[in-house]
Amino acid sequence: MNDMRAALYDSYGPPEVLYEGRVPVPVRKPGEVLVRVHAASVNGGELYGRAGKVRLLTGRRFPQR
């Protein structure tokens, strides 16, 4: 298992900016665990983040992968 599926986005915007892609599986460090996720949800804060509204409050630029 070298890579995994992920919901990605490269720009702020509506749900349509999301797409499915593949990213490397994180490397587990000593004292850490790696959890396989079968389902996930989206909360209101994540919607604001994807829309770019959190940036207005925090001044942070677009998150880096």
N, C-alpha and C. Protein backbone atom coordinates (compact mmCIF):
# COMPACT_ATOMS: atom_id res chain seq x y z
N MET A 1 0.86 -1.17 0.00
CA MET A 1 0.00 0.00 0.00
C MET A 1 0.91 1.24 0.00
N ASN A 2 1.17 1.79 -1.16
CA ASN A 2 2.06 2.94 -1.28
C ASN A 2 1.33 4.27 -1.38
N ASP A 3 0.09 4.23 -1.86
CA ASP A 3 -0.67 5.46 -1.95
C ASP A 3 -2.11 5.20 -1.53
N MET A 4 -2.86 6.28 -1.35
CA MET A 4 -4.24 6.16 -0.89
C MET A 4 -5.10 7.17 -1.63
N ARG A 5 -6.39 6.92 -1.65
CA ARG A 5 -7.35 7.86 -2.25
C ARG A 5 -7.55 9.03 -1.30
N ALA A 6 -7.78 10.21 -1.87
CA ALA A 6 -8.01 11.39 -1.04
C ALA A 6 -8.91 12.36 -1.77
N ALA A 7 -9.70 13.11 -1.02
CA ALA A 7 -10.47 14.22 -1.58
C ALA A 7 -9.55 15.43 -1.56
N LEU A 8 -9.29 16.01 -2.72
CA LEU A 8 -8.33 17.10 -2.85
C LEU A 8 -8.99 18.33 -3.45
N TYR A 9 -8.36 19.48 -3.24
CA TYR A 9 -8.76 20.70 -3.95
C TYR A 9 -7.55 21.59 -4.09
N ASP A 10 -7.47 22.28 -5.22
CA ASP A 10 -6.33 23.13 -5.52
C ASP A 10 -6.66 24.62 -5.48
N SER A 11 -7.93 24.93 -5.27
CA SER A 11 -8.34 26.34 -5.18
C SER A 11 -9.55 26.43 -4.28
N TYR A 12 -9.80 27.60 -3.74
CA TYR A 12 -10.99 27.83 -2.93
C TYR A 12 -12.21 27.78 -3.82
N GLY A 13 -13.35 27.43 -3.25
CA GLY A 13 -14.57 27.46 -4.03
C GLY A 13 -15.63 26.52 -3.52
N PRO A 14 -16.65 26.30 -4.36
CA PRO A 14 -17.79 25.44 -3.99
C PRO A 14 -17.38 23.97 -4.01
N PRO A 15 -18.31 23.08 -3.68
CA PRO A 15 -17.98 21.65 -3.66
C PRO A 15 -17.38 21.13 -4.97
N GLU A 16 -17.67 21.79 -6.07
CA GLU A 16 -17.17 21.33 -7.37
C GLU A 16 -15.65 21.41 -7.50
N VAL A 17 -14.96 22.15 -6.61
CA VAL A 17 -13.49 22.21 -6.69
C VAL A 17 -12.85 20.94 -6.13
N LEU A 18 -13.63 20.13 -5.41
CA LEU A 18 -13.10 18.87 -4.87
C LEU A 18 -12.98 17.83 -5.97
N TYR A 19 -11.94 17.03 -5.89
CA TYR A 19 -11.78 15.92 -6.81
C TYR A 19 -11.06 14.79 -6.09
N GLU A 20 -11.23 13.60 -6.61
CA GLU A 20 -10.57 12.44 -6.01
C GLU A 20 -9.19 12.28 -6.64
N GLY A 21 -8.20 12.09 -5.79
CA GLY A 21 -6.84 11.87 -6.27
C GLY A 21 -6.14 10.86 -5.40
N ARG A 22 -4.89 10.64 -5.67
CA ARG A 22 -4.09 9.70 -4.89
C ARG A 22 -2.91 10.44 -4.30
N VAL A 23 -2.62 10.15 -3.03
CA VAL A 23 -1.50 10.76 -2.31
C VAL A 23 -0.73 9.65 -1.61
N PRO A 24 0.54 9.89 -1.28
CA PRO A 24 1.31 8.86 -0.57
C PRO A 24 0.72 8.59 0.82
N VAL A 25 0.76 7.34 1.21
CA VAL A 25 0.35 6.97 2.57
C VAL A 25 1.35 7.58 3.54
N PRO A 26 0.89 8.26 4.59
CA PRO A 26 1.82 8.84 5.56
C PRO A 26 2.71 7.77 6.19
N VAL A 27 3.93 8.14 6.49
CA VAL A 27 4.86 7.22 7.15
C VAL A 27 4.65 7.33 8.66
N ARG A 28 4.40 6.20 9.27
CA ARG A 28 4.17 6.16 10.71
C ARG A 28 5.50 6.29 11.44
N LYS A 29 5.54 7.23 12.39
CA LYS A 29 6.74 7.44 13.21
C LYS A 29 6.59 6.69 14.52
N PRO A 30 7.68 6.48 15.25
CA PRO A 30 7.59 5.79 16.55
C PRO A 30 6.58 6.49 17.47
N GLY A 31 5.74 5.71 18.10
CA GLY A 31 4.75 6.26 19.02
C GLY A 31 3.47 6.71 18.32
N GLU A 32 3.39 6.57 16.99
CA GLU A 32 2.20 6.97 16.24
C GLU A 32 1.49 5.73 15.72
N VAL A 33 0.23 5.91 15.35
CA VAL A 33 -0.54 4.84 14.70
C VAL A 33 -1.05 5.38 13.38
N LEU A 34 -1.31 4.50 12.45
CA LEU A 34 -1.90 4.85 11.16
C LEU A 34 -3.27 4.21 11.11
N VAL A 35 -4.31 5.01 10.94
CA VAL A 35 -5.69 4.53 10.98
C VAL A 35 -6.27 4.52 9.57
N ARG A 36 -6.84 3.40 9.17
CA ARG A 36 -7.52 3.31 7.88
C ARG A 36 -8.95 3.83 8.06
N VAL A 37 -9.34 4.79 7.26
CA VAL A 37 -10.67 5.40 7.36
C VAL A 37 -11.56 4.85 6.25
N HIS A 38 -12.74 4.39 6.62
CA HIS A 38 -13.69 3.87 5.64
C HIS A 38 -14.77 4.88 5.30
N ALA A 39 -15.00 5.86 6.16
CA ALA A 39 -16.01 6.88 5.93
C ALA A 39 -15.60 8.14 6.68
N ALA A 40 -16.00 9.28 6.17
CA ALA A 40 -15.68 10.56 6.81
C ALA A 40 -16.82 11.53 6.57
N SER A 41 -16.83 12.60 7.32
CA SER A 41 -17.85 13.63 7.13
C SER A 41 -17.17 14.99 7.00
N VAL A 42 -17.96 15.97 6.63
CA VAL A 42 -17.48 17.34 6.49
C VAL A 42 -18.26 18.20 7.46
N ASN A 43 -17.56 19.03 8.25
CA ASN A 43 -18.26 19.91 9.18
C ASN A 43 -18.25 21.35 8.66
N GLY A 44 -18.97 22.21 9.33
CA GLY A 44 -19.09 23.60 8.89
C GLY A 44 -17.77 24.33 8.77
N GLY A 45 -16.84 24.09 9.70
CA GLY A 45 -15.54 24.74 9.63
C GLY A 45 -14.77 24.36 8.38
N GLU A 46 -14.88 23.10 7.97
CA GLU A 46 -14.20 22.65 6.75
C GLU A 46 -14.82 23.30 5.52
N LEU A 47 -16.12 23.52 5.54
CA LEU A 47 -16.77 24.21 4.42
C LEU A 47 -16.26 25.63 4.30
N TYR A 48 -16.12 26.32 5.42
CA TYR A 48 -15.57 27.68 5.40
C TYR A 48 -14.12 27.69 4.93
N GLY A 49 -13.36 26.70 5.36
CA GLY A 49 -11.96 26.62 4.93
C GLY A 49 -11.83 26.44 3.44
N ARG A 50 -12.62 25.52 2.88
CA ARG A 50 -12.55 25.28 1.44
C ARG A 50 -13.04 26.50 0.66
N ALA A 51 -13.98 27.24 1.22
CA ALA A 51 -14.49 28.43 0.55
C ALA A 51 -13.54 29.61 0.66
N GLY A 52 -12.51 29.51 1.52
CA GLY A 52 -11.54 30.59 1.68
C GLY A 52 -11.90 31.59 2.75
N LYS A 53 -12.96 31.35 3.50
CA LYS A 53 -13.42 32.32 4.49
C LYS A 53 -12.56 32.33 5.75
N VAL A 54 -11.94 31.21 6.11
CA VAL A 54 -11.07 31.16 7.29
C VAL A 54 -9.84 32.02 7.06
N ARG A 55 -9.38 32.08 5.83
CA ARG A 55 -8.21 32.89 5.47
C ARG A 55 -8.43 34.35 5.85
N LEU A 56 -9.64 34.82 5.72
CA LEU A 56 -9.94 36.21 6.06
C LEU A 56 -9.75 36.47 7.55
N LEU A 57 -10.02 35.47 8.38
CA LEU A 57 -9.89 35.62 9.82
C LEU A 57 -8.46 35.37 10.31
N THR A 58 -7.79 34.41 9.70
CA THR A 58 -6.47 34.00 10.20
C THR A 58 -5.31 34.62 9.43
N GLY A 59 -5.57 35.07 8.20
CA GLY A 59 -4.50 35.60 7.36
C GLY A 59 -3.64 34.52 6.74
N ARG A 60 -3.97 33.26 6.95
CA ARG A 60 -3.18 32.15 6.40
C ARG A 60 -3.45 32.00 4.92
N ARG A 61 -2.42 31.64 4.19
CA ARG A 61 -2.55 31.38 2.77
C ARG A 61 -3.10 29.97 2.56
N PHE A 62 -3.35 29.63 1.33
CA PHE A 62 -3.90 28.34 0.99
C PHE A 62 -3.04 27.22 1.57
N PRO A 63 -3.66 26.21 2.18
CA PRO A 63 -2.88 25.13 2.79
C PRO A 63 -2.03 24.39 1.76
N GLN A 64 -0.86 23.99 2.17
CA GLN A 64 0.05 23.22 1.33
C GLN A 64 -0.15 21.74 1.61
N ARG A 65 0.02 20.92 0.60
CA ARG A 65 -0.01 19.47 0.80
C ARG A 65 1.34 18.99 1.18
